[in-house]
Amino acid sequence: MKLLEKARENAEAVRNIGLIAIEEARRLGVPVHYMDPAVCDGIIRELPEGTRQHVRRVDGNEIVIEDLPPRV
């Protein structure tokens, strides 16, 4: 069961690193891209002011699929 415990610990650490990266991007005024299956099936672009969009890359361009609610 040690392996499962380590996996849970690492999952929390990865989640925390992701939140830190989002806050750092916001502080720098740049968008951040990430995936969260609880929100949508694909890539989420979050802008510095908090706007979130489900996006897809098509021929090198980023296409907005839908606007998403802000993160709480």
PDB file of N, CA and C in Angstrom:
ATOM      1  N   MET A   1       0.808  -1.201   0.000  1.00  0.00           N
ATOM      2  CA  MET A   1       0.000   0.000   0.000  1.00  0.00           C
ATOM      3  C   MET A   1       0.852   1.268   0.000  1.00  0.00           C
ATOM      4  N   LYS A   2       2.136   1.129   0.230  1.00  0.00           N
ATOM      5  CA  LYS A   2       3.029   2.288   0.203  1.00  0.00           C
ATOM      6  C   LYS A   2       2.971   2.982  -1.155  1.00  0.00           C
ATOM      7  N   LEU A   3       2.879   2.211  -2.223  1.00  0.00           N
ATOM      8  CA  LEU A   3       2.834   2.777  -3.562  1.00  0.00           C
ATOM      9  C   LEU A   3       1.608   3.665  -3.736  1.00  0.00           C
ATOM     10  N   LEU A   4       0.453   3.206  -3.261  1.00  0.00           N
ATOM     11  CA  LEU A   4      -0.762   4.017  -3.355  1.00  0.00           C
ATOM     12  C   LEU A   4      -0.644   5.292  -2.526  1.00  0.00           C
ATOM     13  N   GLU A   5      -0.035   5.192  -1.360  1.00  0.00           N
ATOM     14  CA  GLU A   5       0.160   6.374  -0.524  1.00  0.00           C
ATOM     15  C   GLU A   5       1.053   7.384  -1.229  1.00  0.00           C
ATOM     16  N   LYS A   6       2.139   6.916  -1.838  1.00  0.00           N
ATOM     17  CA  LYS A   6       3.057   7.799  -2.564  1.00  0.00           C
ATOM     18  C   LYS A   6       2.353   8.440  -3.756  1.00  0.00           C
ATOM     19  N   ALA A   7       1.526   7.671  -4.454  1.00  0.00           N
ATOM     20  CA  ALA A   7       0.792   8.216  -5.597  1.00  0.00           C
ATOM     21  C   ALA A   7      -0.141   9.332  -5.141  1.00  0.00           C
ATOM     22  N   ARG A   8      -0.802   9.146  -4.016  1.00  0.00           N
ATOM     23  CA  ARG A   8      -1.687  10.189  -3.485  1.00  0.00           C
ATOM     24  C   ARG A   8      -0.890  11.428  -3.087  1.00  0.00           C
ATOM     25  N   GLU A   9       0.243  11.221  -2.427  1.00  0.00           N
ATOM     26  CA  GLU A   9       1.097  12.343  -2.037  1.00  0.00           C
ATOM     27  C   GLU A   9       1.581  13.099  -3.270  1.00  0.00           C
ATOM     28  N   ASN A  10       2.010  12.371  -4.292  1.00  0.00           N
ATOM     29  CA  ASN A  10       2.499  13.009  -5.506  1.00  0.00           C
ATOM     30  C   ASN A  10       1.383  13.731  -6.243  1.00  0.00           C
ATOM     31  N   ALA A  11       0.190  13.180  -6.257  1.00  0.00           N
ATOM     32  CA  ALA A  11      -0.936  13.833  -6.921  1.00  0.00           C
ATOM     33  C   ALA A  11      -1.200  15.188  -6.286  1.00  0.00           C
ATOM     34  N   GLU A  12      -1.131  15.252  -4.980  1.00  0.00           N
ATOM     35  CA  GLU A  12      -1.336  16.520  -4.270  1.00  0.00           C
ATOM     36  C   GLU A  12      -0.222  17.504  -4.610  1.00  0.00           C
ATOM     37  N   ALA A  13       1.012  17.036  -4.662  1.00  0.00           N
ATOM     38  CA  ALA A  13       2.146  17.899  -4.994  1.00  0.00           C
ATOM     39  C   ALA A  13       2.019  18.443  -6.416  1.00  0.00           C
ATOM     40  N   VAL A  14       1.631  17.598  -7.353  1.00  0.00           N
ATOM     41  CA  VAL A  14       1.449  18.031  -8.739  1.00  0.00           C
ATOM     42  C   VAL A  14       0.334  19.064  -8.824  1.00  0.00           C
ATOM     43  N   ARG A  15      -0.755  18.836  -8.125  1.00  0.00           N
ATOM     44  CA  ARG A  15      -1.871  19.784  -8.102  1.00  0.00           C
ATOM     45  C   ARG A  15      -1.404  21.138  -7.559  1.00  0.00           C
ATOM     46  N   ASN A  16      -0.631  21.109  -6.487  1.00  0.00           N
ATOM     47  CA  ASN A  16      -0.135  22.354  -5.891  1.00  0.00           C
ATOM     48  C   ASN A  16       0.811  23.095  -6.826  1.00  0.00           C
ATOM     49  N   ILE A  17       1.678  22.363  -7.521  1.00  0.00           N
ATOM     50  CA  ILE A  17       2.587  22.991  -8.478  1.00  0.00           C
ATOM     51  C   ILE A  17       1.790  23.648  -9.595  1.00  0.00           C
ATOM     52  N   GLY A  18       0.739  22.986 -10.053  1.00  0.00           N
ATOM     53  CA  GLY A  18      -0.111  23.562 -11.094  1.00  0.00           C
ATOM     54  C   GLY A  18      -0.752  24.863 -10.646  1.00  0.00           C
ATOM     55  N   LEU A  19      -1.250  24.903  -9.425  1.00  0.00           N
ATOM     56  CA  LEU A  19      -1.868  26.128  -8.899  1.00  0.00           C
ATOM     57  C   LEU A  19      -0.841  27.243  -8.759  1.00  0.00           C
ATOM     58  N   ILE A  20       0.363  26.897  -8.338  1.00  0.00           N
ATOM     59  CA  ILE A  20       1.434  27.895  -8.228  1.00  0.00           C
ATOM     60  C   ILE A  20       1.775  28.448  -9.611  1.00  0.00           C
ATOM     61  N   ALA A  21       1.848  27.582 -10.619  1.00  0.00           N
ATOM     62  CA  ALA A  21       2.153  28.015 -11.984  1.00  0.00           C
ATOM     63  C   ALA A  21       1.073  28.945 -12.524  1.00  0.00           C
ATOM     64  N   ILE A  22      -0.189  28.648 -12.242  1.00  0.00           N
ATOM     65  CA  ILE A  22      -1.288  29.509 -12.688  1.00  0.00           C
ATOM     66  C   ILE A  22      -1.176  30.881 -12.036  1.00  0.00           C
ATOM     67  N   GLU A  23      -0.905  30.926 -10.759  1.00  0.00           N
ATOM     68  CA  GLU A  23      -0.769  32.209 -10.055  1.00  0.00           C
ATOM     69  C   GLU A  23       0.440  32.994 -10.558  1.00  0.00           C
ATOM     70  N   GLU A  24       1.521  32.308 -10.851  1.00  0.00           N
ATOM     71  CA  GLU A  24       2.720  32.975 -11.380  1.00  0.00           C
ATOM     72  C   GLU A  24       2.438  33.566 -12.760  1.00  0.00           C
ATOM     73  N   ALA A  25       1.744  32.823 -13.612  1.00  0.00           N
ATOM     74  CA  ALA A  25       1.379  33.332 -14.939  1.00  0.00           C
ATOM     75  C   ALA A  25       0.481  34.556 -14.804  1.00  0.00           C
ATOM     76  N   ARG A  26      -0.457  34.510 -13.887  1.00  0.00           N
ATOM     77  CA  ARG A  26      -1.350  35.649 -13.651  1.00  0.00           C
ATOM     78  C   ARG A  26      -0.534  36.872 -13.220  1.00  0.00           C
ATOM     79  N   ARG A  27       0.403  36.656 -12.304  1.00  0.00           N
ATOM     80  CA  ARG A  27       1.242  37.748 -11.813  1.00  0.00           C
ATOM     81  C   ARG A  27       2.071  38.363 -12.950  1.00  0.00           C
ATOM     82  N   LEU A  28       2.532  37.517 -13.880  1.00  0.00           N
ATOM     83  CA  LEU A  28       3.337  37.987 -15.004  1.00  0.00           C
ATOM     84  C   LEU A  28       2.488  38.551 -16.140  1.00  0.00           C
ATOM     85  N   GLY A  29       1.172  38.374 -16.060  1.00  0.00           N
ATOM     86  CA  GLY A  29       0.279  38.911 -17.084  1.00  0.00           C
ATOM     87  C   GLY A  29       0.242  38.106 -18.368  1.00  0.00           C
ATOM     88  N   VAL A  30       0.483  36.800 -18.265  1.00  0.00           N
ATOM     89  CA  VAL A  30       0.450  35.942 -19.453  1.00  0.00           C
ATOM     90  C   VAL A  30      -0.593  34.840 -19.270  1.00  0.00           C
ATOM     91  N   PRO A  31      -1.159  34.346 -20.377  1.00  0.00           N
ATOM     92  CA  PRO A  31      -2.128  33.253 -20.257  1.00  0.00           C
ATOM     93  C   PRO A  31      -1.434  31.950 -19.877  1.00  0.00           C
ATOM     94  N   VAL A  32      -2.202  31.057 -19.292  1.00  0.00           N
ATOM     95  CA  VAL A  32      -1.699  29.730 -18.942  1.00  0.00           C
ATOM     96  C   VAL A  32      -2.634  28.699 -19.566  1.00  0.00           C
ATOM     97  N   HIS A  33      -2.059  27.588 -19.992  1.00  0.00           N
ATOM     98  CA  HIS A  33      -2.832  26.498 -20.592  1.00  0.00           C
ATOM     99  C   HIS A  33      -2.678  25.261 -19.716  1.00  0.00           C
ATOM    100  N   TYR A  34      -3.781  24.561 -19.497  1.00  0.00           N
ATOM    101  CA  TYR A  34      -3.741  23.347 -18.686  1.00  0.00           C
ATOM    102  C   TYR A  34      -4.941  22.485 -19.018  1.00  0.00           C
ATOM    103  N   MET A  35      -4.956  21.291 -18.459  1.00  0.00           N
ATOM    104  CA  MET A  35      -6.082  20.377 -18.652  1.00  0.00           C
ATOM    105  C   MET A  35      -6.690  20.054 -17.297  1.00  0.00           C
ATOM    106  N   ASP A  36      -8.014  20.004 -17.261  1.00  0.00           N
ATOM    107  CA  ASP A  36      -8.740  19.623 -16.050  1.00  0.00           C
ATOM    108  C   ASP A  36      -9.977  18.857 -16.488  1.00  0.00           C
ATOM    109  N   PRO A  37      -9.946  17.517 -16.434  1.00  0.00           N
ATOM    110  CA  PRO A  37     -11.071  16.718 -16.908  1.00  0.00           C
ATOM    111  C   PRO A  37     -12.379  16.997 -16.177  1.00  0.00           C
ATOM    112  N   ALA A  38     -12.313  17.598 -14.999  1.00  0.00           N
ATOM    113  CA  ALA A  38     -13.541  17.943 -14.276  1.00  0.00           C
ATOM    114  C   ALA A  38     -14.239  19.143 -14.918  1.00  0.00           C
ATOM    115  N   VAL A  39     -13.517  19.894 -15.753  1.00  0.00           N
ATOM    116  CA  VAL A  39     -14.077  21.102 -16.371  1.00  0.00           C
ATOM    117  C   VAL A  39     -14.477  20.842 -17.815  1.00  0.00           C
ATOM    118  N   CYS A  40     -13.565  20.264 -18.594  1.00  0.00           N
ATOM    119  CA  CYS A  40     -13.864  19.965 -19.998  1.00  0.00           C
ATOM    120  C   CYS A  40     -12.891  18.909 -20.504  1.00  0.00           C
ATOM    121  N   ASP A  41     -13.197  18.378 -21.653  1.00  0.00           N
ATOM    122  CA  ASP A  41     -12.361  17.355 -22.271  1.00  0.00           C
ATOM    123  C   ASP A  41     -11.433  18.039 -23.270  1.00  0.00           C
ATOM    124  N   GLY A  42     -10.357  18.626 -22.780  1.00  0.00           N
ATOM    125  CA  GLY A  42      -9.425  19.314 -23.670  1.00  0.00           C
ATOM    126  C   GLY A  42      -8.590  20.328 -22.924  1.00  0.00           C
ATOM    127  N   ILE A  43      -8.107  21.306 -23.674  1.00  0.00           N
ATOM    128  CA  ILE A  43      -7.192  22.311 -23.136  1.00  0.00           C
ATOM    129  C   ILE A  43      -7.971  23.534 -22.663  1.00  0.00           C
ATOM    130  N   ILE A  44      -7.585  24.037 -21.503  1.00  0.00           N
ATOM    131  CA  ILE A  44      -8.172  25.251 -20.943  1.00  0.00           C
ATOM    132  C   ILE A  44      -7.129  26.352 -21.034  1.00  0.00           C
ATOM    133  N   ARG A  45      -7.528  27.501 -21.579  1.00  0.00           N
ATOM    134  CA  ARG A  45      -6.672  28.689 -21.571  1.00  0.00           C
ATOM    135  C   ARG A  45      -7.254  29.638 -20.540  1.00  0.00           C
ATOM    136  N   GLU A  46      -6.422  30.034 -19.574  1.00  0.00           N
ATOM    137  CA  GLU A  46      -6.862  30.986 -18.555  1.00  0.00           C
ATOM    138  C   GLU A  46      -6.062  32.265 -18.726  1.00  0.00           C
ATOM    139  N   LEU A  47      -6.772  33.366 -18.914  1.00  0.00           N
ATOM    140  CA  LEU A  47      -6.139  34.668 -19.096  1.00  0.00           C
ATOM    141  C   LEU A  47      -5.852  35.302 -17.740  1.00  0.00           C
ATOM    142  N   PRO A  48      -4.929  36.264 -17.696  1.00  0.00           N
ATOM    143  CA  PRO A  48      -4.534  36.855 -16.409  1.00  0.00           C
ATOM    144  C   PRO A  48      -5.688  37.414 -15.579  1.00  0.00           C
ATOM    145  N   GLU A  49      -6.733  37.934 -16.236  1.00  0.00           N
ATOM    146  CA  GLU A  49      -7.845  38.505 -15.462  1.00  0.00           C
ATOM    147  C   GLU A  49      -8.834  37.444 -14.991  1.00  0.00           C
ATOM    148  N   GLY A  50      -8.587  36.160 -15.368  1.00  0.00           N
ATOM    149  CA  GLY A  50      -9.418  35.073 -14.868  1.00  0.00           C
ATOM    150  C   GLY A  50     -10.346  34.444 -15.892  1.00  0.00           C
ATOM    151  N   THR A  51     -10.479  35.049 -17.071  1.00  0.00           N
ATOM    152  CA  THR A  51     -11.301  34.463 -18.125  1.00  0.00           C
ATOM    153  C   THR A  51     -10.737  33.097 -18.504  1.00  0.00           C
ATOM    154  N   ARG A  52     -11.631  32.105 -18.621  1.00  0.00           N
ATOM    155  CA  ARG A  52     -11.211  30.756 -19.013  1.00  0.00           C
ATOM    156  C   ARG A  52     -11.961  30.332 -20.263  1.00  0.00           C
ATOM    157  N   GLN A  53     -11.238  29.644 -21.151  1.00  0.00           N
ATOM    158  CA  GLN A  53     -11.830  29.170 -22.392  1.00  0.00           C
ATOM    159  C   GLN A  53     -11.348  27.759 -22.692  1.00  0.00           C
ATOM    160  N   HIS A  54     -12.250  26.962 -23.239  1.00  0.00           N
ATOM    161  CA  HIS A  54     -11.885  25.648 -23.775  1.00  0.00           C
ATOM    162  C   HIS A  54     -11.364  25.931 -25.179  1.00  0.00           C
ATOM    163  N   VAL A  55     -10.113  25.554 -25.465  1.00  0.00           N
ATOM    164  CA  VAL A  55      -9.506  25.853 -26.761  1.00  0.00           C
ATOM    165  C   VAL A  55      -9.003  24.590 -27.434  1.00  0.00           C
ATOM    166  N   ARG A  56      -8.813  24.705 -28.737  1.00  0.00           N
ATOM    167  CA  ARG A  56      -8.254  23.612 -29.537  1.00  0.00           C
ATOM    168  C   ARG A  56      -7.283  24.234 -30.538  1.00  0.00           C
ATOM    169  N   ARG A  57      -6.196  23.531 -30.833  1.00  0.00           N
ATOM    170  CA  ARG A  57      -5.237  23.985 -31.843  1.00  0.00           C
ATOM    171  C   ARG A  57      -5.635  23.384 -33.187  1.00  0.00           C
ATOM    172  N   VAL A  58      -5.790  24.252 -34.200  1.00  0.00           N
ATOM    173  CA  VAL A  58      -6.125  23.814 -35.549  1.00  0.00           C
ATOM    174  C   VAL A  58      -5.188  24.538 -36.510  1.00  0.00           C
ATOM    175  N   ASP A  59      -4.399  23.789 -37.239  1.00  0.00           N
ATOM    176  CA  ASP A  59      -3.438  24.360 -38.193  1.00  0.00           C
ATOM    177  C   ASP A  59      -2.578  25.449 -37.563  1.00  0.00           C
ATOM    178  N   GLY A  60      -2.133  25.225 -36.342  1.00  0.00           N
ATOM    179  CA  GLY A  60      -1.262  26.177 -35.665  1.00  0.00           C
ATOM    180  C   GLY A  60      -1.976  27.353 -35.028  1.00  0.00           C
ATOM    181  N   ASN A  61      -3.290  27.404 -35.154  1.00  0.00           N
ATOM    182  CA  ASN A  61      -4.072  28.491 -34.555  1.00  0.00           C
ATOM    183  C   ASN A  61      -4.880  27.962 -33.378  1.00  0.00           C
ATOM    184  N   GLU A  62      -5.061  28.815 -32.398  1.00  0.00           N
ATOM    185  CA  GLU A  62      -5.863  28.441 -31.233  1.00  0.00           C
ATOM    186  C   GLU A  62      -7.311  28.869 -31.478  1.00  0.00           C
ATOM    187  N   ILE A  63      -8.215  27.912 -31.436  1.00  0.00           N
ATOM    188  CA  ILE A  63      -9.636  28.150 -31.682  1.00  0.00           C
ATOM    189  C   ILE A  63     -10.385  27.997 -30.361  1.00  0.00           C
ATOM    190  N   VAL A  64     -11.227  28.991 -30.039  1.00  0.00           N
ATOM    191  CA  VAL A  64     -12.039  28.916 -28.820  1.00  0.00           C
ATOM    192  C   VAL A  64     -13.247  28.035 -29.095  1.00  0.00           C
ATOM    193  N   ILE A  65     -13.391  26.980 -28.314  1.00  0.00           N
ATOM    194  CA  ILE A  65     -14.530  26.071 -28.436  1.00  0.00           C
ATOM    195  C   ILE A  65     -15.705  26.608 -27.621  1.00  0.00           C
ATOM    196  N   GLU A  66     -15.410  27.042 -26.393  1.00  0.00           N
ATOM    197  CA  GLU A  66     -16.457  27.609 -25.539  1.00  0.00           C
ATOM    198  C   GLU A  66     -15.829  28.405 -24.403  1.00  0.00           C
ATOM    199  N   ASP A  67     -16.582  29.378 -23.911  1.00  0.00           N
ATOM    200  CA  ASP A  67     -16.179  30.104 -22.714  1.00  0.00           C
ATOM    201  C   ASP A  67     -16.534  29.253 -21.501  1.00  0.00           C
ATOM    202  N   LEU A  68     -15.681  29.303 -20.495  1.00  0.00           N
ATOM    203  CA  LEU A  68     -15.880  28.515 -19.277  1.00  0.00           C
ATOM    204  C   LEU A  68     -16.070  29.448 -18.087  1.00  0.00           C
ATOM    205  N   PRO A  69     -16.735  28.967 -17.046  1.00  0.00           N
ATOM    206  CA  PRO A  69     -16.894  29.802 -15.846  1.00  0.00           C
ATOM    207  C   PRO A  69     -15.542  30.015 -15.165  1.00  0.00           C
ATOM    208  N   PRO A  70     -15.412  31.101 -14.404  1.00  0.00           N
ATOM    209  CA  PRO A  70     -14.150  31.347 -13.700  1.00  0.00           C
ATOM    210  C   PRO A  70     -13.872  30.274 -12.660  1.00  0.00           C
ATOM    211  N   ARG A  71     -12.593  30.105 -12.370  1.00  0.00           N
ATOM    212  CA  ARG A  71     -12.173  29.156 -11.336  1.00  0.00           C
ATOM    213  C   ARG A  71     -12.539  29.743  -9.981  1.00  0.00           C
ATOM    214  N   VAL A  72     -13.028  28.900  -9.077  1.00  0.00           N
ATOM    215  CA  VAL A  72     -13.387  29.382  -7.732  1.00  0.00           C
ATOM    216  C   VAL A  72     -12.351  28.998  -6.719  1.00  0.00           C
TER     217      VAL A  72
END
